[in-house]
C-alpha cells in the first residue's frame, strides 16, 4: 500500500531509522502518524474498514504496532529535514526472513479486533499475488507527511534503498494501490505484473524492480 503523491525536488536526508532509546521513540511516533494519515483514505483502507471513524480508531492502534514490527523484523528508512523532523518513511521486509508469524498475528489481533478477518484476508491476497524479489526486499508501506508531498521525499526514500539493493544485487517488489503510485514506481524501474482486484474493491498492481532498475532505467528527471 502506498500514498498517492507527485513531487518536486527537495533536499532531504534518508537513513535507516534508529528505534532504540528516548529519541527513537519520538521518531517511531512520527512514522506511525505519517502512516495513519497516509493510508486512512486510500482505496485499500476503505476496503478494510468502511466507516472512516472506525478506521481512524483502528489505524491508530494498527500502525504503531506495524512500526514496532517493522523495527523488529524489517528495515525502516526515514526521510528527515535538516532539523531531524521525519518527512516520510518506508518499511521493507525480506521475504526470505519473514519474521515471527505468531507475533505478527498477535499484533493484528490486538489492533484490528472486530476487523481481524478482513485484514487477514487482505494479507492472504497479497501473499499469493505479490512478486517474490530475488535476493531482495518487499516494500510493505511508504508514506509521506501530507504537507511535504510533492517535494521529492518518496523518491529520496526509494533511491536510498534501491542503491543498497543494487549494490548487493537484489531486486525489489511491492503492490501499488493506485494508478498514480503505479506510475510513480514505474518511473523508478518497477515493472507491472498481473493486475488483480480486491473482492468488491479496488484494483492493485503487483510490481517488481530487477537489480539495477531493469533495462533502460535511469534516474527520473521529474516526479517524486
Protein backbone atom coordinates (compact mmCIF):
# COMPACT_ATOMS: atom_id res chain seq x y z
CA UNK A 1 0.00 0.00 0.00
CA UNK A 2 1.24 3.46 -0.79
CA UNK A 3 0.12 7.06 -0.57
CA UNK A 4 -0.53 8.82 -3.90
CA UNK A 5 1.78 11.78 -4.47
CA UNK A 6 3.50 13.80 -7.14
CA UNK A 7 6.59 15.72 -6.15
CA UNK A 8 9.17 18.33 -6.91
CA UNK A 9 12.78 18.37 -5.79
CA UNK A 10 13.55 18.94 -2.11
CA UNK A 11 16.69 18.37 -0.09
CA UNK A 12 16.02 15.52 2.34
CA UNK A 13 18.20 13.12 4.25
CA UNK A 14 17.35 9.42 4.18
CA UNK A 15 18.78 7.00 6.71
CA UNK A 16 17.79 3.72 8.34
CA UNK A 17 15.55 4.52 11.27
CA UNK A 18 17.13 4.23 14.70
CA UNK A 19 14.48 2.94 17.05
CA UNK A 20 16.43 2.49 20.29
CA UNK A 21 16.41 4.98 23.13
CA UNK A 22 14.25 8.01 24.01
CA UNK A 23 14.86 9.97 20.80
CA UNK A 24 14.00 6.97 18.70
CA UNK A 25 10.65 6.60 20.43
CA UNK A 26 9.71 10.06 19.22
CA UNK A 27 10.81 9.12 15.72
CA UNK A 28 8.68 5.98 15.81
CA UNK A 29 5.67 8.07 16.83
CA UNK A 30 6.24 10.39 13.88
CA UNK A 31 6.46 7.45 11.48
CA UNK A 32 3.22 5.99 12.84
CA UNK A 33 1.37 9.30 12.49
CA UNK A 34 2.53 9.66 8.89
CA UNK A 35 1.34 6.13 8.09
CA UNK A 36 -2.04 6.70 9.72
CA UNK A 37 -2.63 9.89 7.72
CA UNK A 38 -1.20 8.37 4.56
CA UNK A 39 -3.39 5.27 4.48
CA UNK A 40 -6.65 6.24 6.16
CA UNK A 41 -8.31 7.45 2.95
CA UNK A 42 -6.71 5.08 0.43
CA UNK A 43 -8.90 2.64 -1.52
CA UNK A 44 -7.37 -0.25 0.44
CA UNK A 45 -8.06 1.48 3.73
CA UNK A 46 -11.70 1.97 2.81
CA UNK A 47 -11.91 -1.67 1.71
CA UNK A 48 -10.52 -2.84 5.04
CA UNK A 49 -12.90 -0.73 7.14
CA UNK A 50 -15.79 1.10 5.50
CA UNK A 51 -16.59 3.53 8.33
CA UNK A 52 -13.99 6.30 8.49
CA UNK A 53 -14.31 6.97 12.21
CA UNK A 54 -13.87 3.28 12.96
CA UNK A 55 -10.98 3.18 10.50
CA UNK A 56 -9.22 6.04 12.29
CA UNK A 57 -9.62 4.33 15.66
CA UNK A 58 -8.31 1.00 14.35
CA UNK A 59 -5.46 2.56 12.38
CA UNK A 60 -4.45 4.50 15.48
CA UNK A 61 -3.55 1.15 17.05
CA UNK A 62 -2.60 -0.80 13.91
CA UNK A 63 0.11 1.49 12.54
CA UNK A 64 2.11 1.94 15.75
CA UNK A 65 2.06 -1.86 16.04
CA UNK A 66 3.30 -2.21 12.46
CA UNK A 67 6.11 0.28 13.10
CA UNK A 68 7.20 -1.81 16.07
CA UNK A 69 7.01 -4.96 13.97
CA UNK A 70 8.98 -3.31 11.17
CA UNK A 71 11.61 -2.23 13.67
CA UNK A 72 11.97 -5.78 14.95
CA UNK A 73 11.76 -7.76 11.71
CA UNK A 74 12.21 -5.41 8.75
CA UNK A 75 14.01 -2.26 7.57
CA UNK A 76 12.60 1.19 8.26
CA UNK A 77 14.02 4.07 6.24
CA UNK A 78 13.13 7.63 7.21
CA UNK A 79 13.45 10.87 5.29
CA UNK A 80 14.17 13.84 7.54
CA UNK A 81 14.75 17.55 7.10
CA UNK A 82 17.73 19.41 8.49
CA UNK A 83 16.02 19.74 11.86
CA UNK A 84 15.53 15.97 12.08
CA UNK A 85 11.77 16.03 11.58
CA UNK A 86 10.51 12.90 9.85
CA UNK A 87 9.01 13.78 6.46
CA UNK A 88 8.30 10.27 5.22
CA UNK A 89 9.08 6.63 5.84
CA UNK A 90 9.34 3.32 4.00
CA UNK A 91 9.14 -0.09 5.65
CA UNK A 92 10.71 -3.06 3.87
CA UNK A 93 10.75 -6.78 4.63
CA UNK A 94 12.87 -9.67 3.39
CA UNK A 95 10.52 -12.47 2.26
CA UNK A 96 13.33 -14.96 2.90
CA UNK A 97 13.27 -13.92 6.58
CA UNK A 98 9.57 -13.45 7.28
CA UNK A 99 9.96 -12.54 10.94
CA UNK A 100 7.71 -14.06 13.57
CA UNK A 101 4.28 -15.07 12.22
CA UNK A 102 2.93 -15.58 15.74
CA UNK A 103 4.00 -12.10 16.79
CA UNK A 104 2.54 -10.61 13.61
CA UNK A 105 -0.79 -12.39 14.10
CA UNK A 106 -0.91 -11.15 17.69
CA UNK A 107 -0.21 -7.58 16.53
CA UNK A 108 -3.11 -7.82 14.12
CA UNK A 109 -5.43 -9.38 16.67
CA UNK A 110 -4.66 -6.69 19.25
CA UNK A 111 -5.03 -3.83 16.76
CA UNK A 112 -7.82 -4.95 14.44
CA UNK A 113 -10.15 -6.81 16.79
CA UNK A 114 -13.55 -6.99 15.02
CA UNK A 115 -11.84 -6.32 11.68
CA UNK A 116 -9.21 -9.05 12.03
CA UNK A 117 -10.73 -11.35 9.41
CA UNK A 118 -10.68 -8.58 6.82
CA UNK A 119 -7.04 -7.73 7.49
CA UNK A 120 -6.05 -11.40 7.35
CA UNK A 121 -7.89 -11.77 4.04
CA UNK A 122 -6.01 -8.75 2.68
CA UNK A 123 -2.68 -10.23 3.76
CA UNK A 124 -3.58 -13.58 2.21
CA UNK A 125 -4.43 -11.98 -1.13
CA UNK A 126 -1.19 -10.01 -1.20
CA UNK A 127 0.86 -13.05 -0.21
CA UNK A 128 -0.48 -15.01 -3.18
CA UNK A 129 -0.23 -12.16 -5.73
CA UNK A 130 2.81 -10.10 -4.70
CA UNK A 131 6.02 -10.71 -6.68
CA UNK A 132 8.85 -12.53 -4.95
CA UNK A 133 12.03 -10.39 -5.09
CA UNK A 134 15.17 -12.36 -5.90
CA UNK A 135 17.62 -11.88 -3.01
CA UNK A 136 15.90 -8.59 -2.30
CA UNK A 137 13.18 -6.87 -0.30
CA UNK A 138 9.47 -6.19 -0.49
CA UNK A 139 8.21 -2.68 0.16
CA UNK A 140 5.31 -3.07 2.53
CA UNK A 141 4.44 0.58 3.21
CA UNK A 142 5.59 4.01 2.11
CA UNK A 143 4.04 7.30 3.14
CA UNK A 144 4.96 10.99 3.18
CA UNK A 145 3.59 13.63 5.54
CA UNK A 146 0.88 15.50 3.67
CA UNK A 147 2.46 18.93 3.89
CA UNK A 148 5.68 17.53 2.42
CA UNK A 149 4.15 15.68 -0.50
CA UNK A 150 5.19 16.93 -3.92
CA UNK A 151 8.76 17.68 -2.80
CA UNK A 152 10.73 14.58 -3.72
CA UNK A 153 10.50 12.76 -0.40
CA UNK A 154 9.13 9.48 -1.77
CA UNK A 155 11.77 9.40 -4.49
CA UNK A 156 14.53 10.04 -1.99
CA UNK A 157 13.32 7.09 0.08
CA UNK A 158 13.19 4.83 -2.95
CA UNK A 159 16.58 5.88 -4.32
CA UNK A 160 18.22 5.26 -0.95
CA UNK A 161 17.02 1.67 -0.64
CA UNK A 162 17.43 0.92 -4.34
CA UNK A 163 21.07 1.98 -4.13
CA UNK A 164 21.68 -0.55 -1.38
CA UNK A 165 19.79 -3.28 -3.21
CA UNK A 166 21.61 -2.63 -6.48
CA UNK A 167 24.98 -2.79 -4.74
CA UNK A 168 24.01 -6.16 -3.26
CA UNK A 169 22.47 -7.47 -6.49
CA UNK A 170 18.97 -7.65 -5.05
CA UNK A 171 15.59 -6.82 -6.55
CA UNK A 172 12.59 -5.06 -5.01
CA UNK A 173 8.89 -5.84 -5.08
CA UNK A 174 5.66 -4.15 -3.98
CA UNK A 175 1.95 -3.90 -4.63
CA UNK A 176 0.79 -0.45 -5.76
CA UNK A 177 -2.62 0.64 -4.55
CA UNK A 178 -3.48 3.35 -7.09
CA UNK A 179 -2.72 4.14 -10.72
CA UNK A 180 -0.82 7.20 -9.52
CA UNK A 181 1.51 5.21 -7.30
CA UNK A 182 1.88 2.61 -10.03
CA UNK A 183 3.18 5.38 -12.28
CA UNK A 184 5.45 6.67 -9.52
CA UNK A 185 7.06 3.26 -9.04
CA UNK A 186 7.25 2.73 -12.79
CA UNK A 187 9.48 5.79 -13.04
CA UNK A 188 11.81 4.11 -10.57
CA UNK A 189 12.21 0.95 -12.63
CA UNK A 190 9.34 -1.21 -11.37
CA UNK A 191 7.59 -3.42 -13.92
CA UNK A 192 3.90 -4.22 -13.53
CA UNK A 193 2.82 -7.83 -13.19
CA UNK A 194 -0.65 -9.35 -13.31
CA UNK A 195 -3.18 -6.82 -12.03
CA UNK A 196 -5.87 -8.04 -9.62
CA UNK A 197 -8.78 -6.64 -7.63
CA UNK A 198 -9.74 -6.98 -4.02
CA UNK A 199 -13.14 -8.73 -3.80
CA UNK A 200 -15.68 -5.97 -4.37
CA UNK A 201 -12.88 -3.43 -4.01
CA UNK A 202 -10.08 -1.56 -5.76
CA UNK A 203 -7.52 -2.68 -8.31
CA UNK A 204 -3.98 -3.47 -7.15
CA UNK A 205 -0.78 -3.61 -9.21
CA UNK A 206 1.96 -6.12 -8.28
CA UNK A 207 5.32 -4.68 -9.36
CA UNK A 208 8.91 -5.90 -9.49
CA UNK A 209 12.14 -3.92 -9.88
CA UNK A 210 15.11 -6.00 -11.08
CA UNK A 211 18.50 -5.29 -9.59
CA UNK A 212 19.84 -2.16 -11.27
CA UNK A 213 16.37 -0.98 -12.17
CA UNK A 214 15.92 -3.03 -15.31
CA UNK A 215 16.77 -2.35 -18.95
CA UNK A 216 16.84 1.31 -19.92
CA UNK A 217 16.14 2.57 -16.43
CA UNK A 218 17.70 5.83 -15.37
CA UNK A 219 17.27 8.38 -12.61
CA UNK A 220 13.90 10.10 -13.01
CA UNK A 221 14.31 13.69 -14.20
CA UNK A 222 10.98 14.74 -12.71
CA UNK A 223 8.38 13.47 -10.32
CA UNK A 224 8.86 12.01 -6.84
